[in-house]
Amino acid sequence: MSSSEPTSRRIVSSRHLADGENWEASEVEYGMIIAYNAFSRWMTRCMSAAGNTDLTPLEILVLHNSNHRARDKRLTDICFLLNIEDTHTVNYALRKLLKMELLTSEKRGKEVFYSASEKGKELCQAYRTVREGCFLDGLSRVGLTGEEMRELAANLRALSGHYEQASRAAASL
């Protein structure tokens, strides 16, 4: 087989889930597993290079989301935007980020709104700089165009919606 021919080898994490039809779904799931873990590892290492070694992937996502568009956000907003059902984990992340002075909070009526502090904004900017140098600069070697990246993102969002629907169906069994 030459290097230009596509491989017929199927790579899955759980062979027992790939029996019969729909091997492709198992291949995609394995791809998501390794991509998720690589992305989590990347976020923590990028944040370490940016100057903070104490944040988990979830805390990094919450910090960036709190800094997004410089708009104050509530716990429910952050959970919704990150598609996280367990508000307790996000609330813990918010408390930790507040304690580290990376976020500020303001109570308005019964709601608490969060935003990145100046220290948090500076850390997000440092993360961006590391991301540009270590990830984005090398992305062109992967061979994906901007249009292909947008299509991949749209497909991942659509797949996420299908998993959400399947999750609701499984919960009703």
N, C-alpha and C. Protein backbone atom coordinates (compact mmCIF):
# COMPACT_ATOMS: atom_id res chain seq x y z
N MET A 1 0.85 -1.18 0.00
CA MET A 1 0.00 0.00 0.00
C MET A 1 0.90 1.24 0.00
N SER A 2 0.67 2.14 -0.92
CA SER A 2 1.46 3.36 -0.98
C SER A 2 0.95 4.36 0.05
N SER A 3 1.77 5.37 0.33
CA SER A 3 1.40 6.36 1.35
C SER A 3 0.23 7.24 0.91
N SER A 4 -0.09 7.24 -0.39
CA SER A 4 -1.19 8.07 -0.86
C SER A 4 -2.54 7.34 -0.77
N GLU A 5 -2.51 6.01 -0.58
CA GLU A 5 -3.75 5.24 -0.47
C GLU A 5 -4.29 5.35 0.96
N PRO A 6 -5.61 5.52 1.10
CA PRO A 6 -6.17 5.57 2.44
C PRO A 6 -6.04 4.22 3.12
N THR A 7 -5.86 4.23 4.39
CA THR A 7 -5.72 2.99 5.14
C THR A 7 -7.08 2.34 5.34
N SER A 8 -7.11 1.01 5.31
CA SER A 8 -8.36 0.29 5.57
C SER A 8 -8.42 -0.13 7.02
N ARG A 9 -7.40 0.17 7.77
CA ARG A 9 -7.34 -0.19 9.18
C ARG A 9 -8.31 0.67 9.97
N ARG A 10 -9.05 0.03 10.82
CA ARG A 10 -10.02 0.73 11.65
C ARG A 10 -9.48 0.82 13.06
N ILE A 11 -9.41 2.03 13.57
CA ILE A 11 -8.84 2.26 14.90
C ILE A 11 -9.97 2.68 15.83
N VAL A 12 -10.26 1.83 16.79
CA VAL A 12 -11.34 2.09 17.75
C VAL A 12 -10.82 1.84 19.16
N SER A 13 -11.50 2.39 20.16
CA SER A 13 -11.06 2.16 21.53
C SER A 13 -11.74 0.94 22.14
N SER A 14 -12.90 0.56 21.61
CA SER A 14 -13.66 -0.56 22.18
C SER A 14 -14.20 -1.42 21.05
N ARG A 15 -13.45 -2.45 20.72
CA ARG A 15 -13.81 -3.33 19.59
C ARG A 15 -15.23 -3.88 19.74
N HIS A 16 -15.63 -4.17 20.96
CA HIS A 16 -16.96 -4.74 21.18
C HIS A 16 -18.09 -3.76 20.82
N LEU A 17 -17.79 -2.47 20.73
CA LEU A 17 -18.78 -1.49 20.31
C LEU A 17 -18.77 -1.27 18.80
N ALA A 18 -17.80 -1.86 18.12
CA ALA A 18 -17.64 -1.63 16.68
C ALA A 18 -18.01 -2.84 15.85
N ASP A 19 -18.64 -3.82 16.45
CA ASP A 19 -19.07 -5.00 15.70
C ASP A 19 -20.14 -4.63 14.69
N GLY A 20 -20.13 -5.29 13.55
CA GLY A 20 -21.17 -5.09 12.56
C GLY A 20 -21.05 -3.75 11.86
N GLU A 21 -22.20 -3.14 11.63
CA GLU A 21 -22.25 -1.85 10.94
C GLU A 21 -21.80 -0.72 11.87
N ASN A 22 -21.57 0.40 11.29
CA ASN A 22 -21.26 1.62 12.03
C ASN A 22 -19.89 1.63 12.71
N TRP A 23 -18.92 1.00 12.08
CA TRP A 23 -17.54 1.11 12.56
C TRP A 23 -17.14 2.58 12.65
N GLU A 24 -17.60 3.34 11.69
CA GLU A 24 -17.18 4.74 11.60
C GLU A 24 -17.51 5.52 12.87
N ALA A 25 -18.66 5.24 13.48
CA ALA A 25 -19.03 5.93 14.73
C ALA A 25 -18.02 5.62 15.82
N SER A 26 -17.57 4.37 15.91
CA SER A 26 -16.57 4.00 16.90
C SER A 26 -15.23 4.65 16.61
N GLU A 27 -14.91 4.77 15.32
CA GLU A 27 -13.67 5.45 14.96
C GLU A 27 -13.72 6.93 15.34
N VAL A 28 -14.86 7.57 15.09
CA VAL A 28 -15.02 8.98 15.46
C VAL A 28 -14.95 9.13 16.98
N GLU A 29 -15.61 8.24 17.71
CA GLU A 29 -15.58 8.33 19.17
C GLU A 29 -14.16 8.19 19.70
N TYR A 30 -13.39 7.28 19.13
CA TYR A 30 -12.00 7.15 19.56
C TYR A 30 -11.22 8.43 19.22
N GLY A 31 -11.47 8.99 18.06
CA GLY A 31 -10.83 10.25 17.70
C GLY A 31 -11.18 11.36 18.68
N MET A 32 -12.45 11.40 19.12
CA MET A 32 -12.86 12.43 20.10
C MET A 32 -12.19 12.19 21.44
N ILE A 33 -12.04 10.93 21.84
CA ILE A 33 -11.39 10.61 23.12
C ILE A 33 -9.96 11.12 23.12
N ILE A 34 -9.21 10.77 22.08
CA ILE A 34 -7.81 11.18 22.08
C ILE A 34 -7.67 12.68 21.84
N ALA A 35 -8.58 13.27 21.06
CA ALA A 35 -8.55 14.72 20.85
C ALA A 35 -8.88 15.45 22.15
N TYR A 36 -9.89 14.99 22.88
CA TYR A 36 -10.25 15.61 24.16
C TYR A 36 -9.07 15.58 25.13
N ASN A 37 -8.45 14.42 25.25
CA ASN A 37 -7.33 14.30 26.19
C ASN A 37 -6.13 15.13 25.73
N ALA A 38 -5.86 15.16 24.44
CA ALA A 38 -4.77 15.99 23.93
C ALA A 38 -5.07 17.47 24.15
N PHE A 39 -6.32 17.87 23.92
CA PHE A 39 -6.72 19.26 24.11
C PHE A 39 -6.62 19.65 25.58
N SER A 40 -7.04 18.77 26.47
CA SER A 40 -6.93 19.05 27.91
C SER A 40 -5.47 19.22 28.33
N ARG A 41 -4.63 18.32 27.84
CA ARG A 41 -3.19 18.41 28.15
C ARG A 41 -2.61 19.70 27.58
N TRP A 42 -3.00 20.04 26.34
CA TRP A 42 -2.54 21.27 25.70
C TRP A 42 -2.93 22.49 26.53
N MET A 43 -4.19 22.57 26.95
CA MET A 43 -4.64 23.74 27.71
C MET A 43 -3.81 23.94 28.97
N THR A 44 -3.56 22.86 29.71
CA THR A 44 -2.81 23.01 30.96
C THR A 44 -1.35 23.38 30.69
N ARG A 45 -0.77 22.82 29.66
CA ARG A 45 0.63 23.15 29.34
C ARG A 45 0.76 24.55 28.76
N CYS A 46 -0.21 24.95 27.96
CA CYS A 46 -0.20 26.31 27.42
C CYS A 46 -0.35 27.31 28.57
N MET A 47 -1.27 27.01 29.49
CA MET A 47 -1.47 27.91 30.64
C MET A 47 -0.23 27.95 31.52
N SER A 48 0.43 26.81 31.68
CA SER A 48 1.69 26.79 32.44
C SER A 48 2.73 27.68 31.79
N ALA A 49 2.86 27.58 30.47
CA ALA A 49 3.81 28.42 29.74
C ALA A 49 3.42 29.89 29.82
N ALA A 50 2.11 30.14 29.97
CA ALA A 50 1.63 31.52 30.08
C ALA A 50 1.85 32.08 31.48
N GLY A 51 2.18 31.21 32.45
CA GLY A 51 2.51 31.71 33.77
C GLY A 51 1.69 31.18 34.93
N ASN A 52 0.78 30.23 34.68
CA ASN A 52 -0.01 29.70 35.79
C ASN A 52 -0.06 28.19 35.69
N THR A 53 0.50 27.52 36.69
CA THR A 53 0.57 26.06 36.69
C THR A 53 -0.52 25.43 37.55
N ASP A 54 -1.42 26.21 38.11
CA ASP A 54 -2.38 25.70 39.09
C ASP A 54 -3.79 25.50 38.56
N LEU A 55 -4.02 25.62 37.26
CA LEU A 55 -5.38 25.55 36.74
C LEU A 55 -5.64 24.23 36.01
N THR A 56 -6.83 23.69 36.24
CA THR A 56 -7.28 22.50 35.53
C THR A 56 -7.87 22.92 34.18
N PRO A 57 -8.08 21.97 33.28
CA PRO A 57 -8.71 22.33 32.00
C PRO A 57 -10.05 23.03 32.17
N LEU A 58 -10.89 22.57 33.09
CA LEU A 58 -12.18 23.22 33.30
C LEU A 58 -12.00 24.66 33.78
N GLU A 59 -11.08 24.88 34.69
CA GLU A 59 -10.85 26.24 35.19
C GLU A 59 -10.32 27.16 34.09
N ILE A 60 -9.50 26.61 33.20
CA ILE A 60 -9.00 27.39 32.07
C ILE A 60 -10.16 27.78 31.16
N LEU A 61 -11.04 26.82 30.87
CA LEU A 61 -12.20 27.11 30.03
C LEU A 61 -13.10 28.16 30.67
N VAL A 62 -13.31 28.05 31.98
CA VAL A 62 -14.16 29.01 32.69
C VAL A 62 -13.52 30.40 32.66
N LEU A 63 -12.21 30.47 32.86
CA LEU A 63 -11.52 31.77 32.80
C LEU A 63 -11.68 32.40 31.42
N HIS A 64 -11.40 31.63 30.37
CA HIS A 64 -11.52 32.19 29.01
C HIS A 64 -12.96 32.59 28.71
N ASN A 65 -13.92 31.77 29.14
CA ASN A 65 -15.32 32.10 28.89
C ASN A 65 -15.73 33.35 29.64
N SER A 66 -15.22 33.52 30.85
CA SER A 66 -15.52 34.72 31.64
C SER A 66 -14.92 35.97 31.02
N ASN A 67 -13.84 35.79 30.28
CA ASN A 67 -13.17 36.91 29.61
C ASN A 67 -13.77 37.18 28.23
N HIS A 68 -14.53 36.23 27.71
CA HIS A 68 -15.08 36.30 26.35
C HIS A 68 -15.94 37.55 26.15
N ARG A 69 -15.56 38.34 25.16
CA ARG A 69 -16.27 39.56 24.76
C ARG A 69 -16.43 40.59 25.87
N ALA A 70 -15.64 40.45 26.93
CA ALA A 70 -15.65 41.40 28.05
C ALA A 70 -17.07 41.63 28.60
N ARG A 71 -17.87 40.55 28.63
CA ARG A 71 -19.23 40.64 29.16
C ARG A 71 -19.33 39.86 30.46
N ASP A 72 -19.99 40.44 31.43
CA ASP A 72 -20.23 39.74 32.69
C ASP A 72 -21.11 38.53 32.43
N LYS A 73 -20.82 37.44 33.15
CA LYS A 73 -21.58 36.21 32.95
C LYS A 73 -21.99 35.61 34.29
N ARG A 74 -23.15 34.99 34.28
CA ARG A 74 -23.63 34.26 35.45
C ARG A 74 -23.17 32.81 35.35
N LEU A 75 -23.25 32.11 36.45
CA LEU A 75 -22.93 30.69 36.46
C LEU A 75 -23.71 29.96 35.38
N THR A 76 -25.00 30.23 35.28
CA THR A 76 -25.83 29.55 34.28
C THR A 76 -25.39 29.87 32.85
N ASP A 77 -24.93 31.10 32.61
CA ASP A 77 -24.44 31.47 31.28
C ASP A 77 -23.20 30.65 30.92
N ILE A 78 -22.28 30.54 31.86
CA ILE A 78 -21.04 29.82 31.63
C ILE A 78 -21.32 28.34 31.38
N CYS A 79 -22.19 27.75 32.21
CA CYS A 79 -22.55 26.34 32.03
C CYS A 79 -23.21 26.12 30.68
N PHE A 80 -24.10 27.01 30.29
CA PHE A 80 -24.80 26.88 29.00
C PHE A 80 -23.81 26.97 27.85
N LEU A 81 -22.95 27.98 27.87
CA LEU A 81 -22.03 28.19 26.76
C LEU A 81 -20.99 27.07 26.63
N LEU A 82 -20.60 26.49 27.76
CA LEU A 82 -19.63 25.40 27.74
C LEU A 82 -20.30 24.03 27.67
N ASN A 83 -21.64 24.01 27.67
CA ASN A 83 -22.42 22.77 27.61
C ASN A 83 -22.08 21.85 28.78
N ILE A 84 -22.06 22.41 29.97
CA ILE A 84 -21.76 21.66 31.19
C ILE A 84 -23.03 21.57 32.02
N GLU A 85 -23.42 20.36 32.33
CA GLU A 85 -24.64 20.12 33.09
C GLU A 85 -24.42 20.26 34.59
N ASP A 86 -23.25 19.85 35.07
CA ASP A 86 -22.96 19.85 36.50
C ASP A 86 -22.48 21.24 36.94
N THR A 87 -23.41 22.05 37.43
CA THR A 87 -23.07 23.42 37.83
C THR A 87 -22.11 23.46 39.01
N HIS A 88 -22.09 22.39 39.82
CA HIS A 88 -21.21 22.38 40.99
C HIS A 88 -19.74 22.46 40.59
N THR A 89 -19.36 21.77 39.50
CA THR A 89 -17.96 21.80 39.08
C THR A 89 -17.58 23.19 38.58
N VAL A 90 -18.49 23.84 37.88
CA VAL A 90 -18.22 25.19 37.38
C VAL A 90 -18.20 26.18 38.55
N ASN A 91 -19.10 26.00 39.50
CA ASN A 91 -19.12 26.87 40.67
C ASN A 91 -17.82 26.75 41.46
N TYR A 92 -17.30 25.54 41.59
CA TYR A 92 -16.02 25.33 42.27
C TYR A 92 -14.90 26.04 41.51
N ALA A 93 -14.92 25.92 40.19
CA ALA A 93 -13.90 26.60 39.36
C ALA A 93 -13.99 28.11 39.55
N LEU A 94 -15.21 28.64 39.57
CA LEU A 94 -15.39 30.08 39.77
C LEU A 94 -14.82 30.52 41.12
N ARG A 95 -15.11 29.77 42.16
CA ARG A 95 -14.58 30.12 43.50
C ARG A 95 -13.06 30.10 43.51
N LYS A 96 -12.47 29.09 42.88
CA LYS A 96 -11.00 29.01 42.82
C LYS A 96 -10.42 30.19 42.05
N LEU A 97 -11.02 30.53 40.91
CA LEU A 97 -10.54 31.64 40.10
C LEU A 97 -10.70 32.98 40.84
N LEU A 98 -11.76 33.11 41.61
CA LEU A 98 -11.94 34.31 42.44
C LEU A 98 -10.85 34.39 43.50
N LYS A 99 -10.59 33.27 44.17
CA LYS A 99 -9.56 33.23 45.21
C LYS A 99 -8.18 33.56 44.65
N MET A 100 -7.93 33.16 43.41
CA MET A 100 -6.65 33.44 42.76
C MET A 100 -6.62 34.85 42.17
N GLU A 101 -7.71 35.59 42.32
CA GLU A 101 -7.87 36.96 41.82
C GLU A 101 -7.79 37.05 40.30
N LEU A 102 -8.23 35.98 39.62
CA LEU A 102 -8.28 35.98 38.17
C LEU A 102 -9.66 36.41 37.68
N LEU A 103 -10.65 36.38 38.57
CA LEU A 103 -12.00 36.82 38.28
C LEU A 103 -12.45 37.82 39.34
N THR A 104 -13.44 38.60 38.97
CA THR A 104 -14.15 39.44 39.93
C THR A 104 -15.62 39.03 39.87
N SER A 105 -16.34 39.35 40.92
CA SER A 105 -17.77 39.03 40.93
C SER A 105 -18.54 40.24 41.44
N GLU A 106 -19.78 40.32 41.00
CA GLU A 106 -20.66 41.40 41.43
C GLU A 106 -22.06 40.82 41.59
N LYS A 107 -22.63 41.04 42.75
CA LYS A 107 -23.98 40.56 43.00
C LYS A 107 -24.98 41.62 42.55
N ARG A 108 -25.93 41.20 41.72
CA ARG A 108 -27.00 42.09 41.24
C ARG A 108 -28.32 41.39 41.54
N GLY A 109 -29.00 41.87 42.56
CA GLY A 109 -30.21 41.19 43.00
C GLY A 109 -29.82 39.82 43.54
N LYS A 110 -30.45 38.79 43.01
CA LYS A 110 -30.14 37.42 43.44
C LYS A 110 -29.04 36.78 42.60
N GLU A 111 -28.65 37.44 41.54
CA GLU A 111 -27.67 36.88 40.59
C GLU A 111 -26.26 37.38 40.89
N VAL A 112 -25.27 36.51 40.66
CA VAL A 112 -23.86 36.89 40.76
C VAL A 112 -23.30 36.86 39.34
N PHE A 113 -22.63 37.94 38.97
CA PHE A 113 -22.02 38.05 37.64
C PHE A 113 -20.51 38.01 37.80
N TYR A 114 -19.86 37.30 36.89
CA TYR A 114 -18.41 37.11 36.93
C TYR A 114 -17.78 37.72 35.69
N SER A 115 -16.57 38.23 35.87
CA SER A 115 -15.79 38.72 34.74
C SER A 115 -14.31 38.56 35.09
N ALA A 116 -13.50 38.57 34.06
CA ALA A 116 -12.06 38.45 34.26
C ALA A 116 -11.54 39.73 34.91
N SER A 117 -10.69 39.57 35.91
CA SER A 117 -10.02 40.71 36.52
C SER A 117 -8.90 41.16 35.60
N GLU A 118 -8.23 42.23 35.93
CA GLU A 118 -7.08 42.66 35.12
C GLU A 118 -6.03 41.56 35.08
N LYS A 119 -5.79 40.93 36.23
CA LYS A 119 -4.83 39.82 36.31
C LYS A 119 -5.29 38.67 35.42
N GLY A 120 -6.59 38.38 35.41
CA GLY A 120 -7.14 37.32 34.57
C GLY A 120 -7.03 37.65 33.09
N LYS A 121 -7.29 38.90 32.75
CA LYS A 121 -7.17 39.33 31.35
C LYS A 121 -5.73 39.22 30.87
N GLU A 122 -4.80 39.61 31.72
CA GLU A 122 -3.37 39.51 31.37
C GLU A 122 -2.97 38.06 31.15
N LEU A 123 -3.48 37.15 32.00
CA LEU A 123 -3.17 35.74 31.85
C LEU A 123 -3.78 35.19 30.56
N CYS A 124 -5.00 35.59 30.24
CA CYS A 124 -5.63 35.18 28.97
C CYS A 124 -4.81 35.67 27.78
N GLN A 125 -4.28 36.88 27.86
CA GLN A 125 -3.46 37.42 26.78
C GLN A 125 -2.15 36.65 26.66
N ALA A 126 -1.55 36.30 27.79
CA ALA A 126 -0.32 35.51 27.76
C ALA A 126 -0.59 34.13 27.16
N TYR A 127 -1.74 33.54 27.49
CA TYR A 127 -2.15 32.26 26.93
C TYR A 127 -2.28 32.39 25.41
N ARG A 128 -2.91 33.48 24.98
CA ARG A 128 -3.08 33.72 23.55
C ARG A 128 -1.74 33.77 22.84
N THR A 129 -0.77 34.45 23.44
CA THR A 129 0.56 34.57 22.84
C THR A 129 1.22 33.21 22.70
N VAL A 130 1.14 32.39 23.75
CA VAL A 130 1.72 31.04 23.70
C VAL A 130 0.98 30.21 22.65
N ARG A 131 -0.34 30.32 22.62
CA ARG A 131 -1.17 29.59 21.66
C ARG A 131 -0.78 29.93 20.22
N GLU A 132 -0.58 31.21 19.96
CA GLU A 132 -0.19 31.62 18.61
C GLU A 132 1.16 31.03 18.23
N GLY A 133 2.12 31.07 19.16
CA GLY A 133 3.46 30.59 18.85
C GLY A 133 3.59 29.09 18.78
N CYS A 134 2.86 28.38 19.63
CA CYS A 134 3.03 26.93 19.71
C CYS A 134 1.99 26.14 18.92
N PHE A 135 0.81 26.66 18.78
CA PHE A 135 -0.26 25.91 18.12
C PHE A 135 -0.62 26.47 16.75
N LEU A 136 -1.00 27.73 16.71
CA LEU A 136 -1.49 28.30 15.46
C LEU A 136 -0.42 28.36 14.39
N ASP A 137 0.82 28.69 14.77
CA ASP A 137 1.89 28.77 13.79
C ASP A 137 2.14 27.42 13.11
N GLY A 138 1.94 26.32 13.85
CA GLY A 138 2.16 24.99 13.28
C GLY A 138 0.93 24.39 12.65
N LEU A 139 -0.20 25.04 12.78
CA LEU A 139 -1.45 24.49 12.27
C LEU A 139 -1.45 24.36 10.75
N SER A 140 -0.76 25.23 10.07
CA SER A 140 -0.73 25.17 8.61
C SER A 140 -0.12 23.85 8.12
N ARG A 141 0.75 23.26 8.91
CA ARG A 141 1.38 21.99 8.52
C ARG A 141 0.38 20.83 8.55
N VAL A 142 -0.71 20.98 9.28
CA VAL A 142 -1.74 19.94 9.33
C VAL A 142 -2.45 19.86 7.99
N GLY A 143 -2.50 20.96 7.28
CA GLY A 143 -3.08 20.97 5.95
C GLY A 143 -4.56 21.32 5.89
N LEU A 144 -5.11 21.81 6.98
CA LEU A 144 -6.52 22.22 6.98
C LEU A 144 -6.62 23.70 6.65
N THR A 145 -7.49 24.01 5.70
CA THR A 145 -7.74 25.42 5.37
C THR A 145 -8.70 26.01 6.40
N GLY A 146 -8.83 27.30 6.38
CA GLY A 146 -9.78 27.96 7.27
C GLY A 146 -11.19 27.46 7.05
N GLU A 147 -11.57 27.27 5.80
CA GLU A 147 -12.91 26.76 5.49
C GLU A 147 -13.09 25.35 6.03
N GLU A 148 -12.07 24.51 5.90
CA GLU A 148 -12.16 23.14 6.42
C GLU A 148 -12.25 23.14 7.95
N MET A 149 -11.55 24.06 8.58
CA MET A 149 -11.63 24.17 10.05
C MET A 149 -13.04 24.58 10.46
N ARG A 150 -13.64 25.53 9.74
CA ARG A 150 -15.02 25.94 10.06
C ARG A 150 -15.99 24.78 9.85
N GLU A 151 -15.78 24.00 8.79
CA GLU A 151 -16.64 22.84 8.52
C GLU A 151 -16.48 21.79 9.61
N LEU A 152 -15.24 21.55 10.04
CA LEU A 152 -14.99 20.60 11.12
C LEU A 152 -15.68 21.06 12.40
N ALA A 153 -15.58 22.34 12.72
CA ALA A 153 -16.24 22.89 13.91
C ALA A 153 -17.75 22.72 13.83
N ALA A 154 -18.33 22.98 12.67
CA ALA A 154 -19.77 22.82 12.49
C ALA A 154 -20.18 21.36 12.65
N ASN A 155 -19.38 20.45 12.11
CA ASN A 155 -19.67 19.02 12.25
C ASN A 155 -19.58 18.57 13.70
N LEU A 156 -18.60 19.08 14.43
CA LEU A 156 -18.49 18.73 15.85
C LEU A 156 -19.68 19.25 16.64
N ARG A 157 -20.13 20.47 16.34
CA ARG A 157 -21.32 21.00 17.02
C ARG A 157 -22.55 20.18 16.69
N ALA A 158 -22.70 19.77 15.44
CA ALA A 158 -23.84 18.94 15.05
C ALA A 158 -23.78 17.58 15.74
N LEU A 159 -22.60 16.99 15.79
CA LEU A 159 -22.43 15.71 16.47
C LEU A 159 -22.74 15.85 17.95
N SER A 160 -22.34 16.97 18.53
CA SER A 160 -22.65 17.23 19.94
C SER A 160 -24.15 17.23 20.17
N GLY A 161 -24.89 17.86 19.27
CA GLY A 161 -26.35 17.87 19.37
C GLY A 161 -26.94 16.47 19.28
N HIS A 162 -26.37 15.64 18.43
CA HIS A 162 -26.86 14.26 18.30
C HIS A 162 -26.58 13.48 19.59
N TYR A 163 -25.40 13.67 20.17
CA TYR A 163 -25.10 13.02 21.45
C TYR A 163 -26.04 13.51 22.56
N GLU A 164 -26.37 14.80 22.54
CA GLU A 164 -27.32 15.34 23.53
C GLU A 164 -28.68 14.65 23.40
N GLN A 165 -29.15 14.53 22.17
CA GLN A 165 -30.44 13.89 21.94
C GLN A 165 -30.39 12.42 22.36
N ALA A 166 -29.32 11.73 22.03
CA ALA A 166 -29.16 10.32 22.42
C ALA A 166 -29.09 10.21 23.94
N SER A 167 -28.46 11.18 24.58
CA SER A 167 -28.36 11.18 26.04
C SER A 167 -29.75 11.29 26.69
N ARG A 168 -30.58 12.16 26.14
CA ARG A 168 -31.96 12.29 26.65
C ARG A 168 -32.72 11.00 26.42
N ALA A 169 -32.55 10.37 25.27
CA ALA A 169 -33.24 9.11 24.99
C ALA A 169 -32.80 8.03 25.97
N ALA A 170 -31.49 7.94 26.22
CA ALA A 170 -30.98 6.94 27.15
C ALA A 170 -31.48 7.18 28.57
N ALA A 171 -31.61 8.44 28.94
CA ALA A 171 -32.10 8.77 30.29
C ALA A 171 -33.55 8.38 30.49
N SER A 172 -34.29 8.25 29.41
CA SER A 172 -35.72 7.91 29.52
C SER A 172 -35.95 6.39 29.50
N LEU A 173 -34.91 5.61 29.34
CA LEU A 173 -35.07 4.14 29.30
C LEU A 173 -35.29 3.58 30.69
